[in-house]
Amino acid sequence: MGEQQRTQFPQEIIEEYAALGVDLPALFSAGHLGTRMGVQIIEAAPERVVGTMPVEGNTQPYGLLHGGASAVLAETLGSVGSMLHGGSSKIAVGVDLNCTHHRGASSGLVTGVATPVHRGRSTATYEIVITDDRDRRVCTARLTCLLRDLPAGEAVAKG
């Protein structure tokens, strides 16, 4: 899966989490499932989250990118955007994911770009467009996350 890239965050977000002693790249990673699938988050801000995932190793029996793999990439990117929007006092919990698969991909990397549709106090909705190496749309997804207050006395998880 190659060399690990470092996620780019806006400076104000880095400073907010650093003041809490939080390892931002570890907190806003692809998680264990995303890591197993080769998801890499390239850029992360409340306004836009970009990530990639290899097709190889994430296919269904016909050799095409598995729709569930596209869903994992979409939910990962939309959740990161929602968490960054909610800030250090909230946690984002996915409540609805919808994916429309437009075409198959059989090799290379797919790239997902999550942009907000709605960013409110209690919910955030992101549209995630996944494209292949030739910039053809493979999947369009929409994720809505509930933004919950951290329980009293709990802090954001430190990496």
N, C-alpha and C. Protein backbone atom coordinates (compact mmCIF):
# COMPACT_ATOMS: atom_id res chain seq x y z
N MET A 1 0.81 -1.19 0.00
CA MET A 1 0.00 0.00 0.00
C MET A 1 0.86 1.25 0.00
N GLY A 2 2.15 1.05 0.03
CA GLY A 2 3.02 2.20 -0.15
C GLY A 2 3.27 2.99 1.10
N GLU A 3 3.81 4.13 0.88
CA GLU A 3 4.24 5.02 1.94
C GLU A 3 3.05 5.73 2.58
N GLN A 4 3.06 5.82 3.91
CA GLN A 4 2.00 6.52 4.63
C GLN A 4 2.14 8.03 4.39
N GLN A 5 1.04 8.66 4.08
CA GLN A 5 1.04 10.11 3.90
C GLN A 5 0.56 10.76 5.18
N ARG A 6 0.98 11.96 5.40
CA ARG A 6 0.55 12.71 6.56
C ARG A 6 -0.65 13.56 6.15
N THR A 7 -1.72 13.47 6.92
CA THR A 7 -2.94 14.21 6.63
C THR A 7 -2.70 15.70 6.84
N GLN A 8 -3.20 16.51 5.93
CA GLN A 8 -3.11 17.96 6.06
C GLN A 8 -4.36 18.49 6.75
N PHE A 9 -4.16 19.22 7.88
CA PHE A 9 -5.25 19.83 8.63
C PHE A 9 -5.06 21.34 8.63
N PRO A 10 -6.14 22.13 8.73
CA PRO A 10 -6.00 23.58 8.92
C PRO A 10 -5.28 23.86 10.24
N GLN A 11 -4.44 24.87 10.26
CA GLN A 11 -3.63 25.19 11.44
C GLN A 11 -4.46 25.43 12.69
N GLU A 12 -5.61 26.08 12.57
CA GLU A 12 -6.43 26.35 13.76
C GLU A 12 -6.96 25.07 14.40
N ILE A 13 -7.20 24.07 13.59
CA ILE A 13 -7.68 22.78 14.13
C ILE A 13 -6.53 22.05 14.82
N ILE A 14 -5.35 22.08 14.23
CA ILE A 14 -4.17 21.48 14.86
C ILE A 14 -3.94 22.10 16.23
N GLU A 15 -4.03 23.42 16.31
CA GLU A 15 -3.80 24.13 17.58
C GLU A 15 -4.87 23.80 18.61
N GLU A 16 -6.14 23.69 18.19
CA GLU A 16 -7.23 23.37 19.12
C GLU A 16 -6.98 22.03 19.80
N TYR A 17 -6.63 21.03 19.01
CA TYR A 17 -6.42 19.69 19.56
C TYR A 17 -5.08 19.57 20.29
N ALA A 18 -4.05 20.26 19.82
CA ALA A 18 -2.75 20.23 20.50
C ALA A 18 -2.88 20.79 21.91
N ALA A 19 -3.72 21.82 22.09
CA ALA A 19 -3.93 22.41 23.42
C ALA A 19 -4.55 21.39 24.38
N LEU A 20 -5.23 20.38 23.83
CA LEU A 20 -5.84 19.33 24.66
C LEU A 20 -4.90 18.12 24.81
N GLY A 21 -3.73 18.20 24.18
CA GLY A 21 -2.79 17.09 24.23
C GLY A 21 -3.21 15.91 23.37
N VAL A 22 -3.96 16.18 22.30
CA VAL A 22 -4.50 15.12 21.45
C VAL A 22 -3.65 14.97 20.19
N ASP A 23 -3.36 13.71 19.83
CA ASP A 23 -2.67 13.38 18.58
C ASP A 23 -3.71 13.41 17.47
N LEU A 24 -3.81 14.54 16.79
CA LEU A 24 -4.85 14.74 15.78
C LEU A 24 -4.82 13.70 14.66
N PRO A 25 -3.67 13.40 14.05
CA PRO A 25 -3.68 12.38 12.98
C PRO A 25 -4.17 11.02 13.47
N ALA A 26 -3.86 10.63 14.69
CA ALA A 26 -4.33 9.34 15.20
C ALA A 26 -5.83 9.37 15.44
N LEU A 27 -6.33 10.48 15.97
CA LEU A 27 -7.76 10.60 16.27
C LEU A 27 -8.60 10.62 14.99
N PHE A 28 -8.15 11.35 14.00
CA PHE A 28 -8.91 11.49 12.75
C PHE A 28 -8.29 10.64 11.65
N SER A 29 -8.07 9.37 11.96
CA SER A 29 -7.53 8.43 10.99
C SER A 29 -8.67 7.66 10.34
N ALA A 30 -8.29 6.70 9.53
CA ALA A 30 -9.29 5.84 8.90
C ALA A 30 -9.76 4.75 9.85
N GLY A 31 -9.16 4.63 11.03
CA GLY A 31 -9.53 3.60 11.99
C GLY A 31 -9.01 2.24 11.56
N HIS A 32 -9.27 1.23 12.38
CA HIS A 32 -8.75 -0.11 12.10
C HIS A 32 -9.27 -0.68 10.78
N LEU A 33 -10.57 -0.55 10.52
CA LEU A 33 -11.13 -1.07 9.28
C LEU A 33 -10.55 -0.34 8.08
N GLY A 34 -10.53 0.98 8.15
CA GLY A 34 -9.98 1.76 7.04
C GLY A 34 -8.53 1.45 6.79
N THR A 35 -7.76 1.25 7.85
CA THR A 35 -6.35 0.90 7.71
C THR A 35 -6.22 -0.46 7.01
N ARG A 36 -7.01 -1.43 7.43
CA ARG A 36 -6.99 -2.75 6.82
C ARG A 36 -7.33 -2.68 5.34
N MET A 37 -8.16 -1.72 4.96
CA MET A 37 -8.58 -1.59 3.56
C MET A 37 -7.68 -0.65 2.76
N GLY A 38 -6.69 -0.06 3.42
CA GLY A 38 -5.75 0.81 2.73
C GLY A 38 -6.22 2.24 2.55
N VAL A 39 -7.21 2.67 3.31
CA VAL A 39 -7.71 4.04 3.22
C VAL A 39 -6.65 5.00 3.77
N GLN A 40 -6.36 6.03 3.01
CA GLN A 40 -5.46 7.08 3.47
C GLN A 40 -6.17 8.42 3.36
N ILE A 41 -6.18 9.16 4.44
CA ILE A 41 -6.79 10.49 4.43
C ILE A 41 -5.69 11.48 4.09
N ILE A 42 -5.89 12.19 3.00
CA ILE A 42 -4.88 13.10 2.46
C ILE A 42 -5.05 14.51 3.02
N GLU A 43 -6.29 14.93 3.11
CA GLU A 43 -6.61 16.31 3.49
C GLU A 43 -7.86 16.27 4.35
N ALA A 44 -7.87 17.04 5.43
CA ALA A 44 -9.04 17.00 6.32
C ALA A 44 -9.33 18.37 6.90
N ALA A 45 -10.51 18.87 6.63
CA ALA A 45 -11.01 20.12 7.18
C ALA A 45 -12.53 19.99 7.20
N PRO A 46 -13.24 20.80 8.00
CA PRO A 46 -14.70 20.70 8.01
C PRO A 46 -15.32 20.95 6.63
N GLU A 47 -14.64 21.71 5.78
CA GLU A 47 -15.17 22.07 4.46
C GLU A 47 -14.88 21.03 3.38
N ARG A 48 -13.87 20.15 3.64
CA ARG A 48 -13.47 19.21 2.58
C ARG A 48 -12.55 18.15 3.18
N VAL A 49 -12.87 16.89 2.91
CA VAL A 49 -12.02 15.78 3.33
C VAL A 49 -11.74 14.94 2.09
N VAL A 50 -10.46 14.63 1.87
CA VAL A 50 -10.05 13.86 0.70
C VAL A 50 -9.30 12.61 1.17
N GLY A 51 -9.63 11.47 0.58
CA GLY A 51 -8.95 10.23 0.91
C GLY A 51 -8.91 9.30 -0.28
N THR A 52 -7.99 8.33 -0.21
CA THR A 52 -7.86 7.35 -1.27
C THR A 52 -7.95 5.93 -0.71
N MET A 53 -8.21 4.99 -1.60
CA MET A 53 -8.28 3.58 -1.23
C MET A 53 -7.91 2.75 -2.46
N PRO A 54 -7.08 1.72 -2.29
CA PRO A 54 -6.77 0.87 -3.44
C PRO A 54 -7.96 -0.02 -3.79
N VAL A 55 -8.11 -0.29 -5.07
CA VAL A 55 -9.14 -1.23 -5.49
C VAL A 55 -8.68 -2.65 -5.13
N GLU A 56 -7.41 -2.94 -5.39
CA GLU A 56 -6.87 -4.27 -5.09
C GLU A 56 -7.05 -4.60 -3.61
N GLY A 57 -7.57 -5.77 -3.35
CA GLY A 57 -7.83 -6.20 -1.97
C GLY A 57 -9.19 -5.80 -1.45
N ASN A 58 -9.91 -4.99 -2.22
CA ASN A 58 -11.24 -4.51 -1.82
C ASN A 58 -12.28 -4.81 -2.89
N THR A 59 -12.16 -5.98 -3.51
CA THR A 59 -13.04 -6.32 -4.62
C THR A 59 -14.04 -7.40 -4.24
N GLN A 60 -15.09 -7.51 -5.05
CA GLN A 60 -16.06 -8.59 -4.93
C GLN A 60 -15.66 -9.70 -5.90
N PRO A 61 -16.39 -10.82 -5.93
CA PRO A 61 -15.96 -11.97 -6.74
C PRO A 61 -15.74 -11.70 -8.23
N TYR A 62 -16.35 -10.67 -8.80
CA TYR A 62 -16.16 -10.35 -10.22
C TYR A 62 -14.91 -9.51 -10.47
N GLY A 63 -14.18 -9.20 -9.41
CA GLY A 63 -12.96 -8.41 -9.57
C GLY A 63 -13.18 -6.91 -9.58
N LEU A 64 -14.39 -6.49 -9.27
CA LEU A 64 -14.71 -5.06 -9.22
C LEU A 64 -14.68 -4.57 -7.78
N LEU A 65 -14.44 -3.29 -7.61
CA LEU A 65 -14.48 -2.67 -6.29
C LEU A 65 -15.80 -3.03 -5.61
N HIS A 66 -15.71 -3.55 -4.40
CA HIS A 66 -16.90 -3.95 -3.64
C HIS A 66 -17.67 -2.69 -3.23
N GLY A 67 -18.99 -2.72 -3.36
CA GLY A 67 -19.81 -1.58 -2.95
C GLY A 67 -19.65 -1.26 -1.48
N GLY A 68 -19.44 -2.29 -0.66
CA GLY A 68 -19.21 -2.08 0.76
C GLY A 68 -17.91 -1.35 1.02
N ALA A 69 -16.90 -1.58 0.17
CA ALA A 69 -15.63 -0.86 0.30
C ALA A 69 -15.84 0.62 0.01
N SER A 70 -16.63 0.91 -1.02
CA SER A 70 -16.96 2.32 -1.31
C SER A 70 -17.68 2.95 -0.12
N ALA A 71 -18.57 2.18 0.51
CA ALA A 71 -19.30 2.68 1.67
C ALA A 71 -18.35 2.96 2.83
N VAL A 72 -17.35 2.10 3.02
CA VAL A 72 -16.36 2.33 4.09
C VAL A 72 -15.59 3.62 3.83
N LEU A 73 -15.14 3.82 2.60
CA LEU A 73 -14.42 5.05 2.26
C LEU A 73 -15.32 6.27 2.48
N ALA A 74 -16.56 6.19 2.00
CA ALA A 74 -17.49 7.31 2.14
C ALA A 74 -17.76 7.63 3.60
N GLU A 75 -18.07 6.60 4.40
CA GLU A 75 -18.39 6.87 5.81
C GLU A 75 -17.18 7.39 6.56
N THR A 76 -16.01 6.89 6.23
CA THR A 76 -14.79 7.38 6.88
C THR A 76 -14.60 8.87 6.60
N LEU A 77 -14.68 9.27 5.35
CA LEU A 77 -14.44 10.67 4.99
C LEU A 77 -15.52 11.59 5.55
N GLY A 78 -16.78 11.19 5.43
CA GLY A 78 -17.86 12.01 5.96
C GLY A 78 -17.81 12.12 7.48
N SER A 79 -17.41 11.05 8.14
CA SER A 79 -17.30 11.08 9.61
C SER A 79 -16.17 12.00 10.06
N VAL A 80 -15.05 11.97 9.35
CA VAL A 80 -13.94 12.87 9.70
C VAL A 80 -14.38 14.32 9.55
N GLY A 81 -15.06 14.64 8.44
CA GLY A 81 -15.56 16.01 8.26
C GLY A 81 -16.53 16.40 9.36
N SER A 82 -17.42 15.48 9.73
CA SER A 82 -18.39 15.76 10.79
C SER A 82 -17.71 15.98 12.14
N MET A 83 -16.69 15.15 12.43
CA MET A 83 -15.96 15.30 13.69
C MET A 83 -15.24 16.64 13.74
N LEU A 84 -14.63 17.02 12.64
CA LEU A 84 -13.92 18.30 12.61
C LEU A 84 -14.90 19.47 12.72
N HIS A 85 -16.07 19.34 12.09
CA HIS A 85 -17.10 20.37 12.22
C HIS A 85 -17.57 20.49 13.67
N GLY A 86 -17.80 19.33 14.31
CA GLY A 86 -18.30 19.33 15.69
C GLY A 86 -17.29 19.88 16.68
N GLY A 87 -16.01 19.75 16.38
CA GLY A 87 -14.97 20.27 17.26
C GLY A 87 -14.67 19.32 18.41
N SER A 88 -13.79 19.75 19.27
CA SER A 88 -13.27 18.89 20.33
C SER A 88 -14.27 18.60 21.44
N SER A 89 -15.41 19.26 21.45
CA SER A 89 -16.40 19.02 22.50
C SER A 89 -17.52 18.07 22.06
N LYS A 90 -17.44 17.56 20.83
CA LYS A 90 -18.50 16.70 20.28
C LYS A 90 -17.90 15.41 19.73
N ILE A 91 -18.76 14.40 19.62
CA ILE A 91 -18.42 13.20 18.88
C ILE A 91 -19.45 13.03 17.77
N ALA A 92 -19.00 12.50 16.64
CA ALA A 92 -19.89 12.31 15.50
C ALA A 92 -20.26 10.83 15.40
N VAL A 93 -21.55 10.56 15.26
CA VAL A 93 -22.05 9.20 15.16
C VAL A 93 -22.89 9.10 13.89
N GLY A 94 -22.50 8.23 12.97
CA GLY A 94 -23.24 8.07 11.73
C GLY A 94 -24.64 7.53 11.98
N VAL A 95 -25.64 8.16 11.36
CA VAL A 95 -27.03 7.70 11.52
C VAL A 95 -27.67 7.33 10.18
N ASP A 96 -27.09 7.75 9.06
CA ASP A 96 -27.66 7.40 7.76
C ASP A 96 -26.57 7.45 6.71
N LEU A 97 -26.46 6.39 5.93
CA LEU A 97 -25.51 6.33 4.82
C LEU A 97 -26.25 5.81 3.60
N ASN A 98 -26.13 6.53 2.49
CA ASN A 98 -26.75 6.13 1.24
C ASN A 98 -25.68 6.16 0.17
N CYS A 99 -25.56 5.08 -0.61
CA CYS A 99 -24.55 5.00 -1.67
C CYS A 99 -25.21 4.62 -2.99
N THR A 100 -24.88 5.35 -4.03
CA THR A 100 -25.30 4.99 -5.38
C THR A 100 -24.03 4.65 -6.15
N HIS A 101 -23.99 3.43 -6.70
CA HIS A 101 -22.81 2.95 -7.42
C HIS A 101 -23.05 3.16 -8.91
N HIS A 102 -22.18 3.95 -9.54
CA HIS A 102 -22.37 4.34 -10.94
C HIS A 102 -21.63 3.45 -11.93
N ARG A 103 -20.43 3.01 -11.56
CA ARG A 103 -19.62 2.20 -12.47
C ARG A 103 -18.65 1.38 -11.65
N GLY A 104 -18.12 0.35 -12.24
CA GLY A 104 -17.15 -0.49 -11.55
C GLY A 104 -15.74 0.06 -11.71
N ALA A 105 -14.89 -0.34 -10.79
CA ALA A 105 -13.45 -0.05 -10.88
C ALA A 105 -12.75 -1.37 -10.62
N SER A 106 -11.74 -1.70 -11.44
CA SER A 106 -11.09 -2.99 -11.30
C SER A 106 -9.60 -2.89 -10.95
N SER A 107 -9.06 -1.69 -10.92
CA SER A 107 -7.65 -1.54 -10.58
C SER A 107 -7.38 -0.10 -10.15
N GLY A 108 -6.18 0.11 -9.63
CA GLY A 108 -5.75 1.45 -9.26
C GLY A 108 -6.29 1.91 -7.92
N LEU A 109 -6.34 3.22 -7.78
CA LEU A 109 -6.85 3.86 -6.56
C LEU A 109 -8.17 4.54 -6.87
N VAL A 110 -9.06 4.56 -5.88
CA VAL A 110 -10.23 5.43 -5.97
C VAL A 110 -9.99 6.58 -4.99
N THR A 111 -10.53 7.73 -5.32
CA THR A 111 -10.39 8.93 -4.49
C THR A 111 -11.76 9.41 -4.09
N GLY A 112 -11.94 9.68 -2.80
CA GLY A 112 -13.20 10.21 -2.31
C GLY A 112 -13.00 11.63 -1.83
N VAL A 113 -13.98 12.48 -2.14
CA VAL A 113 -13.98 13.87 -1.69
C VAL A 113 -15.31 14.12 -0.99
N ALA A 114 -15.23 14.45 0.29
CA ALA A 114 -16.43 14.72 1.09
C ALA A 114 -16.58 16.23 1.26
N THR A 115 -17.75 16.74 0.93
CA THR A 115 -18.05 18.16 1.12
C THR A 115 -19.39 18.28 1.86
N PRO A 116 -19.51 19.31 2.70
CA PRO A 116 -20.74 19.42 3.49
C PRO A 116 -21.95 19.83 2.68
N VAL A 117 -23.07 19.23 3.01
CA VAL A 117 -24.37 19.62 2.50
C VAL A 117 -25.07 20.45 3.58
N HIS A 118 -24.87 20.05 4.84
CA HIS A 118 -25.46 20.73 6.00
C HIS A 118 -24.51 20.57 7.18
N ARG A 119 -24.23 21.68 7.86
CA ARG A 119 -23.42 21.62 9.08
C ARG A 119 -24.16 22.40 10.16
N GLY A 120 -24.87 21.67 11.00
CA GLY A 120 -25.65 22.30 12.05
C GLY A 120 -25.06 22.03 13.43
N ARG A 121 -25.84 22.38 14.45
CA ARG A 121 -25.39 22.16 15.83
C ARG A 121 -25.50 20.70 16.25
N SER A 122 -26.50 19.99 15.73
CA SER A 122 -26.71 18.62 16.18
C SER A 122 -26.53 17.56 15.09
N THR A 123 -26.47 17.97 13.83
CA THR A 123 -26.22 17.02 12.74
C THR A 123 -25.31 17.65 11.70
N ALA A 124 -24.64 16.78 10.96
CA ALA A 124 -23.83 17.21 9.82
C ALA A 124 -24.06 16.19 8.71
N THR A 125 -24.27 16.69 7.50
CA THR A 125 -24.47 15.83 6.33
C THR A 125 -23.42 16.16 5.29
N TYR A 126 -22.78 15.13 4.77
CA TYR A 126 -21.74 15.29 3.76
C TYR A 126 -22.08 14.48 2.52
N GLU A 127 -21.77 15.05 1.35
CA GLU A 127 -21.83 14.31 0.10
C GLU A 127 -20.42 13.85 -0.19
N ILE A 128 -20.28 12.59 -0.55
CA ILE A 128 -18.97 12.03 -0.85
C ILE A 128 -19.00 11.52 -2.28
N VAL A 129 -18.10 12.04 -3.11
CA VAL A 129 -17.99 11.62 -4.50
C VAL A 129 -16.71 10.80 -4.63
N ILE A 130 -16.85 9.57 -5.10
CA ILE A 130 -15.71 8.67 -5.27
C ILE A 130 -15.47 8.50 -6.76
N THR A 131 -14.21 8.73 -7.17
CA THR A 131 -13.83 8.64 -8.58
C THR A 131 -12.68 7.67 -8.75
N ASP A 132 -12.53 7.17 -9.99
CA ASP A 132 -11.43 6.27 -10.30
C ASP A 132 -10.21 7.06 -10.76
N ASP A 133 -9.17 6.34 -11.19
CA ASP A 133 -7.92 6.97 -11.63
C ASP A 133 -8.10 7.86 -12.86
N ARG A 134 -9.19 7.63 -13.60
CA ARG A 134 -9.45 8.44 -14.80
C ARG A 134 -10.47 9.54 -14.50
N ASP A 135 -10.71 9.80 -13.22
CA ASP A 135 -11.62 10.85 -12.76
C ASP A 135 -13.08 10.59 -13.17
N ARG A 136 -13.42 9.31 -13.31
CA ARG A 136 -14.81 8.95 -13.61
C ARG A 136 -15.50 8.61 -12.30
N ARG A 137 -16.73 9.08 -12.16
CA ARG A 137 -17.48 8.86 -10.92
C ARG A 137 -17.84 7.38 -10.78
N VAL A 138 -17.43 6.81 -9.66
CA VAL A 138 -17.69 5.42 -9.33
C VAL A 138 -18.89 5.32 -8.39
N CYS A 139 -18.98 6.25 -7.45
CA CYS A 139 -20.01 6.19 -6.42
C CYS A 139 -20.30 7.60 -5.91
N THR A 140 -21.56 7.85 -5.59
CA THR A 140 -21.95 9.07 -4.89
C THR A 140 -22.64 8.63 -3.61
N ALA A 141 -22.18 9.18 -2.49
CA ALA A 141 -22.74 8.79 -1.20
C ALA A 141 -23.15 10.03 -0.42
N ARG A 142 -24.04 9.83 0.54
CA ARG A 142 -24.44 10.89 1.46
C ARG A 142 -24.43 10.29 2.86
N LEU A 143 -23.77 10.97 3.77
CA LEU A 143 -23.69 10.52 5.16
C LEU A 143 -24.21 11.61 6.08
N THR A 144 -25.09 11.24 7.00
CA THR A 144 -25.53 12.16 8.05
C THR A 144 -25.03 11.62 9.39
N CYS A 145 -24.40 12.49 10.15
CA CYS A 145 -23.91 12.15 11.48
C CYS A 145 -24.62 12.99 12.52
N LEU A 146 -24.94 12.36 13.64
CA LEU A 146 -25.44 13.05 14.82
C LEU A 146 -24.22 13.57 15.57
N LEU A 147 -24.27 14.82 15.99
CA LEU A 147 -23.18 15.41 16.77
C LEU A 147 -23.61 15.42 18.23
N ARG A 148 -22.97 14.57 19.03
CA ARG A 148 -23.32 14.44 20.44
C ARG A 148 -22.28 15.11 21.30
N ASP A 149 -22.74 15.72 22.38
CA ASP A 149 -21.80 16.28 23.35
C ASP A 149 -21.03 15.15 24.01
N LEU A 150 -19.76 15.40 24.27
CA LEU A 150 -18.98 14.42 25.04
C LEU A 150 -19.62 14.29 26.41
N PRO A 151 -19.69 13.09 26.94
CA PRO A 151 -20.23 12.94 28.31
C PRO A 151 -19.43 13.78 29.31
N ALA A 152 -20.11 14.28 30.34
CA ALA A 152 -19.47 15.13 31.35
C ALA A 152 -18.25 14.42 31.91
N GLY A 153 -17.14 15.15 31.99
CA GLY A 153 -15.92 14.60 32.56
C GLY A 153 -15.05 13.85 31.58
N GLU A 154 -15.55 13.58 30.36
CA GLU A 154 -14.74 12.87 29.36
C GLU A 154 -14.08 13.88 28.45
N ALA A 155 -12.88 13.54 28.04
CA ALA A 155 -12.14 14.37 27.10
C ALA A 155 -12.01 13.62 25.78
N VAL A 156 -11.68 14.34 24.75
CA VAL A 156 -11.42 13.71 23.47
C VAL A 156 -10.30 12.70 23.67
N ALA A 157 -10.43 11.54 23.03
CA ALA A 157 -9.42 10.49 23.18
C ALA A 157 -8.06 10.99 22.72
N LYS A 158 -7.06 10.71 23.52
CA LYS A 158 -5.69 11.11 23.17
C LYS A 158 -5.02 9.94 22.48
N GLY A 159 -4.27 10.28 21.42
CA GLY A 159 -3.62 9.23 20.62
C GLY A 159 -2.41 8.63 21.27
